Amino acid sequence: MEKTIAKLDQQINEKLKDYHRERELLASIPGVKEQGSSLILAEIGADMNVFPSEGHLSAWAGMSPGNNESAGKKKVERQPTAIKFKGDIDPVCLGCKQR
């Protein structure tokens, strides 16, 4: 089991070798360590241009509050996009500060 984990860690590091700077920046966030930065890059990538704003990233991650009531009726809440894909990523790792 340990050999398998070590081999997987090596493969992950090999795939992410071109993203050293991005991993360092992500790891500088309190609570995000090396594994968290790898997971974030695997899920959302390094190109933030796919999200028009930090609010869009936050909404994708399921961290934005929504208005799910209209005329006193509660709307059915849909599952955030990130929840469908993120697996074991802690929501804190995907959250971002909205202005």
PDB file of N, CA and C in Angstrom:
ATOM      1  N   MET A   1       0.832  -1.187   0.000  1.00  0.00           N
ATOM      2  CA  MET A   1       0.000   0.000   0.000  1.00  0.00           C
ATOM      3  C   MET A   1       0.883   1.260   0.000  1.00  0.00           C
ATOM      4  N   GLU A   2       1.917   1.272   0.828  1.00  0.00           N
ATOM      5  CA  GLU A   2       2.809   2.434   0.899  1.00  0.00           C
ATOM      6  C   GLU A   2       3.503   2.681  -0.438  1.00  0.00           C
ATOM      7  N   LYS A   3       3.886   1.596  -1.109  1.00  0.00           N
ATOM      8  CA  LYS A   3       4.546   1.729  -2.417  1.00  0.00           C
ATOM      9  C   LYS A   3       3.596   2.338  -3.441  1.00  0.00           C
ATOM     10  N   THR A   4       2.350   1.914  -3.391  1.00  0.00           N
ATOM     11  CA  THR A   4       1.349   2.432  -4.317  1.00  0.00           C
ATOM     12  C   THR A   4       1.118   3.920  -4.086  1.00  0.00           C
ATOM     13  N   ILE A   5       1.020   4.314  -2.827  1.00  0.00           N
ATOM     14  CA  ILE A   5       0.830   5.730  -2.488  1.00  0.00           C
ATOM     15  C   ILE A   5       2.025   6.548  -2.944  1.00  0.00           C
ATOM     16  N   ALA A   6       3.231   6.039  -2.694  1.00  0.00           N
ATOM     17  CA  ALA A   6       4.447   6.753  -3.108  1.00  0.00           C
ATOM     18  C   ALA A   6       4.499   6.893  -4.629  1.00  0.00           C
ATOM     19  N   LYS A   7       4.091   5.847  -5.336  1.00  0.00           N
ATOM     20  CA  LYS A   7       4.086   5.898  -6.800  1.00  0.00           C
ATOM     21  C   LYS A   7       3.066   6.921  -7.301  1.00  0.00           C
ATOM     22  N   LEU A   8       1.883   6.945  -6.691  1.00  0.00           N
ATOM     23  CA  LEU A   8       0.869   7.927  -7.076  1.00  0.00           C
ATOM     24  C   LEU A   8       1.328   9.352  -6.783  1.00  0.00           C
ATOM     25  N   ASP A   9       1.943   9.554  -5.620  1.00  0.00           N
ATOM     26  CA  ASP A   9       2.479  10.876  -5.289  1.00  0.00           C
ATOM     27  C   ASP A   9       3.506  11.320  -6.328  1.00  0.00           C
ATOM     28  N   GLN A  10       4.344  10.396  -6.754  1.00  0.00           N
ATOM     29  CA  GLN A  10       5.365  10.711  -7.760  1.00  0.00           C
ATOM     30  C   GLN A  10       4.699  11.087  -9.087  1.00  0.00           C
ATOM     31  N   GLN A  11       3.661  10.348  -9.478  1.00  0.00           N
ATOM     32  CA  GLN A  11       2.957  10.652 -10.723  1.00  0.00           C
ATOM     33  C   GLN A  11       2.270  12.012 -10.658  1.00  0.00           C
ATOM     34  N   ILE A  12       1.673  12.329  -9.512  1.00  0.00           N
ATOM     35  CA  ILE A  12       1.024  13.635  -9.335  1.00  0.00           C
ATOM     36  C   ILE A  12       2.050  14.749  -9.449  1.00  0.00           C
ATOM     37  N   ASN A  13       3.162  14.597  -8.760  1.00  0.00           N
ATOM     38  CA  ASN A  13       4.215  15.614  -8.816  1.00  0.00           C
ATOM     39  C   ASN A  13       4.762  15.774 -10.224  1.00  0.00           C
ATOM     40  N   GLU A  14       4.869  14.686 -10.968  1.00  0.00           N
ATOM     41  CA  GLU A  14       5.340  14.755 -12.351  1.00  0.00           C
ATOM     42  C   GLU A  14       4.360  15.543 -13.216  1.00  0.00           C
ATOM     43  N   LYS A  15       3.063  15.276 -13.057  1.00  0.00           N
ATOM     44  CA  LYS A  15       2.042  15.986 -13.839  1.00  0.00           C
ATOM     45  C   LYS A  15       1.985  17.476 -13.500  1.00  0.00           C
ATOM     46  N   LEU A  16       2.281  17.809 -12.248  1.00  0.00           N
ATOM     47  CA  LEU A  16       2.168  19.201 -11.795  1.00  0.00           C
ATOM     48  C   LEU A  16       3.497  19.948 -11.784  1.00  0.00           C
ATOM     49  N   LYS A  17       4.548  19.366 -12.355  1.00  0.00           N
ATOM     50  CA  LYS A  17       5.858  20.014 -12.288  1.00  0.00           C
ATOM     51  C   LYS A  17       5.883  21.375 -12.983  1.00  0.00           C
ATOM     52  N   ASP A  18       5.062  21.553 -13.997  1.00  0.00           N
ATOM     53  CA  ASP A  18       5.013  22.840 -14.704  1.00  0.00           C
ATOM     54  C   ASP A  18       4.230  23.904 -13.937  1.00  0.00           C
ATOM     55  N   TYR A  19       3.603  23.514 -12.837  1.00  0.00           N
ATOM     56  CA  TYR A  19       2.771  24.433 -12.058  1.00  0.00           C
ATOM     57  C   TYR A  19       3.372  24.709 -10.682  1.00  0.00           C
ATOM     58  N   HIS A  20       4.690  24.702 -10.613  1.00  0.00           N
ATOM     59  CA  HIS A  20       5.372  24.900  -9.324  1.00  0.00           C
ATOM     60  C   HIS A  20       4.995  26.243  -8.692  1.00  0.00           C
ATOM     61  N   ARG A  21       5.020  27.301  -9.467  1.00  0.00           N
ATOM     62  CA  ARG A  21       4.702  28.642  -8.946  1.00  0.00           C
ATOM     63  C   ARG A  21       3.261  28.705  -8.441  1.00  0.00           C
ATOM     64  N   GLU A  22       2.333  28.154  -9.199  1.00  0.00           N
ATOM     65  CA  GLU A  22       0.925  28.163  -8.797  1.00  0.00           C
ATOM     66  C   GLU A  22       0.716  27.365  -7.509  1.00  0.00           C
ATOM     67  N   ARG A  23       1.419  26.236  -7.386  1.00  0.00           N
ATOM     68  CA  ARG A  23       1.311  25.419  -6.171  1.00  0.00           C
ATOM     69  C   ARG A  23       1.841  26.179  -4.961  1.00  0.00           C
ATOM     70  N   GLU A  24       2.943  26.899  -5.153  1.00  0.00           N
ATOM     71  CA  GLU A  24       3.500  27.700  -4.055  1.00  0.00           C
ATOM     72  C   GLU A  24       2.518  28.780  -3.618  1.00  0.00           C
ATOM     73  N   LEU A  25       1.923  29.461  -4.586  1.00  0.00           N
ATOM     74  CA  LEU A  25       0.957  30.518  -4.254  1.00  0.00           C
ATOM     75  C   LEU A  25      -0.248  29.947  -3.519  1.00  0.00           C
ATOM     76  N   LEU A  26      -0.772  28.839  -4.001  1.00  0.00           N
ATOM     77  CA  LEU A  26      -1.920  28.223  -3.337  1.00  0.00           C
ATOM     78  C   LEU A  26      -1.554  27.745  -1.931  1.00  0.00           C
ATOM     79  N   ALA A  27      -0.358  27.194  -1.779  1.00  0.00           N
ATOM     80  CA  ALA A  27       0.076  26.698  -0.467  1.00  0.00           C
ATOM     81  C   ALA A  27       0.305  27.838   0.520  1.00  0.00           C
ATOM     82  N   SER A  28       0.428  29.062   0.031  1.00  0.00           N
ATOM     83  CA  SER A  28       0.605  30.200   0.933  1.00  0.00           C
ATOM     84  C   SER A  28      -0.713  30.621   1.588  1.00  0.00           C
ATOM     85  N   ILE A  29      -1.828  30.080   1.108  1.00  0.00           N
ATOM     86  CA  ILE A  29      -3.138  30.359   1.710  1.00  0.00           C
ATOM     87  C   ILE A  29      -3.242  29.565   3.003  1.00  0.00           C
ATOM     88  N   PRO A  30      -3.612  30.220   4.112  1.00  0.00           N
ATOM     89  CA  PRO A  30      -3.749  29.473   5.373  1.00  0.00           C
ATOM     90  C   PRO A  30      -4.702  28.287   5.224  1.00  0.00           C
ATOM     91  N   GLY A  31      -4.243  27.128   5.654  1.00  0.00           N
ATOM     92  CA  GLY A  31      -5.058  25.919   5.596  1.00  0.00           C
ATOM     93  C   GLY A  31      -4.877  25.102   4.334  1.00  0.00           C
ATOM     94  N   VAL A  32      -4.200  25.646   3.327  1.00  0.00           N
ATOM     95  CA  VAL A  32      -3.962  24.909   2.088  1.00  0.00           C
ATOM     96  C   VAL A  32      -2.502  24.462   2.080  1.00  0.00           C
ATOM     97  N   LYS A  33      -2.320  23.170   2.059  1.00  0.00           N
ATOM     98  CA  LYS A  33      -0.973  22.622   2.037  1.00  0.00           C
ATOM     99  C   LYS A  33      -0.697  22.042   0.656  1.00  0.00           C
ATOM    100  N   GLU A  34       0.382  21.292   0.531  1.00  0.00           N
ATOM    101  CA  GLU A  34       0.793  20.765  -0.777  1.00  0.00           C
ATOM    102  C   GLU A  34      -0.305  19.927  -1.428  1.00  0.00           C
ATOM    103  N   GLN A  35      -0.908  19.033  -0.678  1.00  0.00           N
ATOM    104  CA  GLN A  35      -1.946  18.182  -1.242  1.00  0.00           C
ATOM    105  C   GLN A  35      -3.169  19.016  -1.652  1.00  0.00           C
ATOM    106  N   GLY A  36      -3.531  19.980  -0.830  1.00  0.00           N
ATOM    107  CA  GLY A  36      -4.661  20.841  -1.169  1.00  0.00           C
ATOM    108  C   GLY A  36      -4.411  21.642  -2.435  1.00  0.00           C
ATOM    109  N   SER A  37      -3.194  22.154  -2.583  1.00  0.00           N
ATOM    110  CA  SER A  37      -2.875  22.925  -3.785  1.00  0.00           C
ATOM    111  C   SER A  37      -2.923  22.036  -5.024  1.00  0.00           C
ATOM    112  N   SER A  38      -2.486  20.792  -4.886  1.00  0.00           N
ATOM    113  CA  SER A  38      -2.547  19.853  -6.005  1.00  0.00           C
ATOM    114  C   SER A  38      -3.996  19.561  -6.387  1.00  0.00           C
ATOM    115  N   LEU A  39      -4.840  19.383  -5.383  1.00  0.00           N
ATOM    116  CA  LEU A  39      -6.248  19.107  -5.646  1.00  0.00           C
ATOM    117  C   LEU A  39      -6.934  20.293  -6.320  1.00  0.00           C
ATOM    118  N   ILE A  40      -6.628  21.485  -5.848  1.00  0.00           N
ATOM    119  CA  ILE A  40      -7.239  22.684  -6.436  1.00  0.00           C
ATOM    120  C   ILE A  40      -6.833  22.816  -7.897  1.00  0.00           C
ATOM    121  N   LEU A  41      -5.540  22.652  -8.183  1.00  0.00           N
ATOM    122  CA  LEU A  41      -5.079  22.747  -9.574  1.00  0.00           C
ATOM    123  C   LEU A  41      -5.701  21.656 -10.438  1.00  0.00           C
ATOM    124  N   ALA A  42      -5.867  20.472  -9.887  1.00  0.00           N
ATOM    125  CA  ALA A  42      -6.474  19.390 -10.651  1.00  0.00           C
ATOM    126  C   ALA A  42      -7.934  19.692 -10.979  1.00  0.00           C
ATOM    127  N   GLU A  43      -8.641  20.329 -10.070  1.00  0.00           N
ATOM    128  CA  GLU A  43     -10.062  20.601 -10.272  1.00  0.00           C
ATOM    129  C   GLU A  43     -10.335  21.841 -11.106  1.00  0.00           C
ATOM    130  N   ILE A  44      -9.670  22.954 -10.796  1.00  0.00           N
ATOM    131  CA  ILE A  44     -10.016  24.200 -11.485  1.00  0.00           C
ATOM    132  C   ILE A  44      -8.946  24.666 -12.451  1.00  0.00           C
ATOM    133  N   GLY A  45      -7.778  24.052 -12.400  1.00  0.00           N
ATOM    134  CA  GLY A  45      -6.697  24.432 -13.301  1.00  0.00           C
ATOM    135  C   GLY A  45      -6.021  25.712 -12.856  1.00  0.00           C
ATOM    136  N   ALA A  46      -5.080  26.155 -13.649  1.00  0.00           N
ATOM    137  CA  ALA A  46      -4.318  27.351 -13.325  1.00  0.00           C
ATOM    138  C   ALA A  46      -4.825  28.585 -14.067  1.00  0.00           C
ATOM    139  N   ASP A  47      -5.649  28.379 -15.085  1.00  0.00           N
ATOM    140  CA  ASP A  47      -6.164  29.490 -15.887  1.00  0.00           C
ATOM    141  C   ASP A  47      -7.479  29.989 -15.294  1.00  0.00           C
ATOM    142  N   MET A  48      -7.406  31.096 -14.605  1.00  0.00           N
ATOM    143  CA  MET A  48      -8.607  31.647 -13.967  1.00  0.00           C
ATOM    144  C   MET A  48      -9.474  32.440 -14.939  1.00  0.00           C
ATOM    145  N   ASN A  49      -9.043  32.546 -16.190  1.00  0.00           N
ATOM    146  CA  ASN A  49      -9.848  33.259 -17.184  1.00  0.00           C
ATOM    147  C   ASN A  49     -11.143  32.534 -17.519  1.00  0.00           C
ATOM    148  N   VAL A  50     -11.262  31.266 -17.135  1.00  0.00           N
ATOM    149  CA  VAL A  50     -12.508  30.540 -17.379  1.00  0.00           C
ATOM    150  C   VAL A  50     -13.618  31.027 -16.453  1.00  0.00           C
ATOM    151  N   PHE A  51     -13.237  31.736 -15.395  1.00  0.00           N
ATOM    152  CA  PHE A  51     -14.207  32.330 -14.470  1.00  0.00           C
ATOM    153  C   PHE A  51     -14.179  33.843 -14.666  1.00  0.00           C
ATOM    154  N   PRO A  52     -15.299  34.451 -15.087  1.00  0.00           N
ATOM    155  CA  PRO A  52     -15.317  35.894 -15.330  1.00  0.00           C
ATOM    156  C   PRO A  52     -14.964  36.734 -14.109  1.00  0.00           C
ATOM    157  N   SER A  53     -15.215  36.203 -12.905  1.00  0.00           N
ATOM    158  CA  SER A  53     -14.900  36.952 -11.692  1.00  0.00           C
ATOM    159  C   SER A  53     -14.686  35.978 -10.547  1.00  0.00           C
ATOM    160  N   GLU A  54     -14.201  36.503  -9.423  1.00  0.00           N
ATOM    161  CA  GLU A  54     -14.040  35.645  -8.240  1.00  0.00           C
ATOM    162  C   GLU A  54     -15.395  35.151  -7.745  1.00  0.00           C
ATOM    163  N   GLY A  55     -16.438  35.915  -8.014  1.00  0.00           N
ATOM    164  CA  GLY A  55     -17.783  35.494  -7.642  1.00  0.00           C
ATOM    165  C   GLY A  55     -18.232  34.251  -8.403  1.00  0.00           C
ATOM    166  N   HIS A  56     -17.839  34.163  -9.671  1.00  0.00           N
ATOM    167  CA  HIS A  56     -18.190  32.983 -10.457  1.00  0.00           C
ATOM    168  C   HIS A  56     -17.469  31.743  -9.931  1.00  0.00           C
ATOM    169  N   LEU A  57     -16.196  31.903  -9.581  1.00  0.00           N
ATOM    170  CA  LEU A  57     -15.448  30.784  -8.993  1.00  0.00           C
ATOM    171  C   LEU A  57     -16.081  30.370  -7.675  1.00  0.00           C
ATOM    172  N   SER A  58     -16.425  31.343  -6.872  1.00  0.00           N
ATOM    173  CA  SER A  58     -17.043  31.073  -5.583  1.00  0.00           C
ATOM    174  C   SER A  58     -18.383  30.351  -5.758  1.00  0.00           C
ATOM    175  N   ALA A  59     -19.172  30.781  -6.727  1.00  0.00           N
ATOM    176  CA  ALA A  59     -20.457  30.127  -6.990  1.00  0.00           C
ATOM    177  C   ALA A  59     -20.243  28.707  -7.494  1.00  0.00           C
ATOM    178  N   TRP A  60     -19.265  28.516  -8.369  1.00  0.00           N
ATOM    179  CA  TRP A  60     -18.950  27.180  -8.872  1.00  0.00           C
ATOM    180  C   TRP A  60     -18.587  26.252  -7.722  1.00  0.00           C
ATOM    181  N   ALA A  61     -17.869  26.798  -6.750  1.00  0.00           N
ATOM    182  CA  ALA A  61     -17.425  26.004  -5.603  1.00  0.00           C
ATOM    183  C   ALA A  61     -18.543  25.792  -4.588  1.00  0.00           C
ATOM    184  N   GLY A  62     -19.667  26.461  -4.777  1.00  0.00           N
ATOM    185  CA  GLY A  62     -20.774  26.300  -3.847  1.00  0.00           C
ATOM    186  C   GLY A  62     -20.609  27.127  -2.585  1.00  0.00           C
ATOM    187  N   MET A  63     -19.818  28.185  -2.656  1.00  0.00           N
ATOM    188  CA  MET A  63     -19.520  29.006  -1.489  1.00  0.00           C
ATOM    189  C   MET A  63     -20.267  30.332  -1.482  1.00  0.00           C
ATOM    190  N   SER A  64     -21.061  30.594  -2.515  1.00  0.00           N
ATOM    191  CA  SER A  64     -21.807  31.850  -2.579  1.00  0.00           C
ATOM    192  C   SER A  64     -23.230  31.638  -2.092  1.00  0.00           C
ATOM    193  N   PRO A  65     -23.709  32.563  -1.276  1.00  0.00           N
ATOM    194  CA  PRO A  65     -25.109  32.440  -0.870  1.00  0.00           C
ATOM    195  C   PRO A  65     -26.006  32.742  -2.061  1.00  0.00           C
ATOM    196  N   GLY A  66     -27.131  32.089  -2.105  1.00  0.00           N
ATOM    197  CA  GLY A  66     -28.054  32.316  -3.207  1.00  0.00           C
ATOM    198  C   GLY A  66     -29.402  32.765  -2.692  1.00  0.00           C
ATOM    199  N   ASN A  67     -30.154  33.406  -3.539  1.00  0.00           N
ATOM    200  CA  ASN A  67     -31.516  33.795  -3.200  1.00  0.00           C
ATOM    201  C   ASN A  67     -32.432  32.733  -3.781  1.00  0.00           C
ATOM    202  N   ASN A  68     -32.863  31.822  -2.956  1.00  0.00           N
ATOM    203  CA  ASN A  68     -33.664  30.703  -3.422  1.00  0.00           C
ATOM    204  C   ASN A  68     -35.118  30.821  -2.986  1.00  0.00           C
ATOM    205  N   GLU A  69     -35.598  32.055  -2.945  1.00  0.00           N
ATOM    206  CA  GLU A  69     -36.987  32.279  -2.581  1.00  0.00           C
ATOM    207  C   GLU A  69     -37.543  33.366  -3.492  1.00  0.00           C
ATOM    208  N   SER A  70     -38.747  33.131  -3.977  1.00  0.00           N
ATOM    209  CA  SER A  70     -39.407  34.108  -4.821  1.00  0.00           C
ATOM    210  C   SER A  70     -40.896  34.086  -4.492  1.00  0.00           C
ATOM    211  N   ALA A  71     -41.446  35.250  -4.227  1.00  0.00           N
ATOM    212  CA  ALA A  71     -42.863  35.390  -3.874  1.00  0.00           C
ATOM    213  C   ALA A  71     -43.226  34.488  -2.701  1.00  0.00           C
ATOM    214  N   GLY A  72     -42.292  34.366  -1.774  1.00  0.00           N
ATOM    215  CA  GLY A  72     -42.542  33.568  -0.583  1.00  0.00           C
ATOM    216  C   GLY A  72     -42.430  32.069  -0.788  1.00  0.00           C
ATOM    217  N   LYS A  73     -42.072  31.643  -1.991  1.00  0.00           N
ATOM    218  CA  LYS A  73     -41.936  30.215  -2.277  1.00  0.00           C
ATOM    219  C   LYS A  73     -40.456  29.859  -2.402  1.00  0.00           C
ATOM    220  N   LYS A  74     -40.091  28.801  -1.740  1.00  0.00           N
ATOM    221  CA  LYS A  74     -38.711  28.327  -1.808  1.00  0.00           C
ATOM    222  C   LYS A  74     -38.493  27.597  -3.123  1.00  0.00           C
ATOM    223  N   LYS A  75     -37.395  27.939  -3.788  1.00  0.00           N
ATOM    224  CA  LYS A  75     -37.016  27.240  -5.007  1.00  0.00           C
ATOM    225  C   LYS A  75     -36.204  26.008  -4.627  1.00  0.00           C
ATOM    226  N   VAL A  76     -36.239  25.029  -5.475  1.00  0.00           N
ATOM    227  CA  VAL A  76     -35.427  23.839  -5.272  1.00  0.00           C
ATOM    228  C   VAL A  76     -33.979  24.229  -5.526  1.00  0.00           C
ATOM    229  N   GLU A  77     -33.117  23.905  -4.571  1.00  0.00           N
ATOM    230  CA  GLU A  77     -31.703  24.242  -4.728  1.00  0.00           C
ATOM    231  C   GLU A  77     -31.015  23.151  -5.527  1.00  0.00           C
ATOM    232  N   ARG A  78     -30.226  23.585  -6.482  1.00  0.00           N
ATOM    233  CA  ARG A  78     -29.457  22.613  -7.245  1.00  0.00           C
ATOM    234  C   ARG A  78     -28.092  22.438  -6.593  1.00  0.00           C
ATOM    235  N   GLN A  79     -27.489  21.326  -6.864  1.00  0.00           N
ATOM    236  CA  GLN A  79     -26.181  21.036  -6.294  1.00  0.00           C
ATOM    237  C   GLN A  79     -25.134  21.891  -7.004  1.00  0.00           C
ATOM    238  N   PRO A  80     -24.245  22.563  -6.241  1.00  0.00           N
ATOM    239  CA  PRO A  80     -23.205  23.365  -6.883  1.00  0.00           C
ATOM    240  C   PRO A  80     -22.336  22.513  -7.801  1.00  0.00           C
ATOM    241  N   THR A  81     -21.860  23.108  -8.872  1.00  0.00           N
ATOM    242  CA  THR A  81     -21.055  22.399  -9.855  1.00  0.00           C
ATOM    243  C   THR A  81     -19.866  21.704  -9.208  1.00  0.00           C
ATOM    244  N   ALA A  82     -19.167  22.385  -8.328  1.00  0.00           N
ATOM    245  CA  ALA A  82     -17.967  21.816  -7.734  1.00  0.00           C
ATOM    246  C   ALA A  82     -18.266  20.578  -6.917  1.00  0.00           C
ATOM    247  N   ILE A  83     -19.422  20.524  -6.280  1.00  0.00           N
ATOM    248  CA  ILE A  83     -19.772  19.376  -5.460  1.00  0.00           C
ATOM    249  C   ILE A  83     -19.825  18.121  -6.321  1.00  0.00           C
ATOM    250  N   LYS A  84     -20.221  18.266  -7.564  1.00  0.00           N
ATOM    251  CA  LYS A  84     -20.311  17.121  -8.461  1.00  0.00           C
ATOM    252  C   LYS A  84     -18.929  16.567  -8.796  1.00  0.00           C
ATOM    253  N   PHE A  85     -17.898  17.422  -8.781  1.00  0.00           N
ATOM    254  CA  PHE A  85     -16.587  17.021  -9.262  1.00  0.00           C
ATOM    255  C   PHE A  85     -15.502  16.971  -8.204  1.00  0.00           C
ATOM    256  N   LYS A  86     -15.634  17.721  -7.147  1.00  0.00           N
ATOM    257  CA  LYS A  86     -14.482  17.965  -6.291  1.00  0.00           C
ATOM    258  C   LYS A  86     -14.051  16.816  -5.402  1.00  0.00           C
ATOM    259  N   GLY A  87     -14.908  15.839  -5.172  1.00  0.00           N
ATOM    260  CA  GLY A  87     -14.496  14.692  -4.376  1.00  0.00           C
ATOM    261  C   GLY A  87     -14.170  15.078  -2.947  1.00  0.00           C
ATOM    262  N   ASP A  88     -12.918  14.944  -2.561  1.00  0.00           N
ATOM    263  CA  ASP A  88     -12.516  15.141  -1.179  1.00  0.00           C
ATOM    264  C   ASP A  88     -11.941  16.522  -0.891  1.00  0.00           C
ATOM    265  N   ILE A  89     -12.094  17.475  -1.794  1.00  0.00           N
ATOM    266  CA  ILE A  89     -11.534  18.797  -1.544  1.00  0.00           C
ATOM    267  C   ILE A  89     -12.359  19.505  -0.481  1.00  0.00           C
ATOM    268  N   ASP A  90     -11.688  19.995   0.516  1.00  0.00           N
ATOM    269  CA  ASP A  90     -12.338  20.758   1.576  1.00  0.00           C
ATOM    270  C   ASP A  90     -12.911  22.033   0.962  1.00  0.00           C
ATOM    271  N   PRO A  91     -14.184  22.364   1.262  1.00  0.00           N
ATOM    272  CA  PRO A  91     -14.770  23.588   0.700  1.00  0.00           C
ATOM    273  C   PRO A  91     -13.949  24.841   0.978  1.00  0.00           C
ATOM    274  N   VAL A  92     -13.203  24.864   2.075  1.00  0.00           N
ATOM    275  CA  VAL A  92     -12.371  26.027   2.376  1.00  0.00           C
ATOM    276  C   VAL A  92     -11.308  26.204   1.301  1.00  0.00           C
ATOM    277  N   CYS A  93     -10.831  25.106   0.738  1.00  0.00           N
ATOM    278  CA  CYS A  93      -9.813  25.186  -0.296  1.00  0.00           C
ATOM    279  C   CYS A  93     -10.358  25.831  -1.569  1.00  0.00           C
ATOM    280  N   LEU A  94     -11.640  25.661  -1.837  1.00  0.00           N
ATOM    281  CA  LEU A  94     -12.217  26.194  -3.063  1.00  0.00           C
ATOM    282  C   LEU A  94     -12.875  27.546  -2.871  1.00  0.00           C
ATOM    283  N   GLY A  95     -13.081  27.948  -1.638  1.00  0.00           N
ATOM    284  CA  GLY A  95     -13.745  29.224  -1.385  1.00  0.00           C
ATOM    285  C   GLY A  95     -12.862  30.395  -1.760  1.00  0.00           C
ATOM    286  N   CYS A  96     -13.494  31.484  -2.078  1.00  0.00           N
ATOM    287  CA  CYS A  96     -12.742  32.695  -2.326  1.00  0.00           C
ATOM    288  C   CYS A  96     -13.544  33.863  -1.765  1.00  0.00           C
ATOM    289  N   LYS A  97     -12.864  34.932  -1.473  1.00  0.00           N
ATOM    290  CA  LYS A  97     -13.497  36.092  -0.876  1.00  0.00           C
ATOM    291  C   LYS A  97     -14.217  36.891  -1.941  1.00  0.00           C
ATOM    292  N   GLN A  98     -15.468  37.179  -1.702  1.00  0.00           N
ATOM    293  CA  GLN A  98     -16.227  38.006  -2.616  1.00  0.00           C
ATOM    294  C   GLN A  98     -16.232  39.442  -2.126  1.00  0.00           C
ATOM    295  N   ARG A  99     -16.264  40.358  -3.065  1.00  0.00           N
ATOM    296  CA  ARG A  99     -16.287  41.775  -2.707  1.00  0.00           C
ATOM    297  C   ARG A  99     -17.675  42.296  -2.754  1.00  0.00           C
TER     298      ARG A  99
END
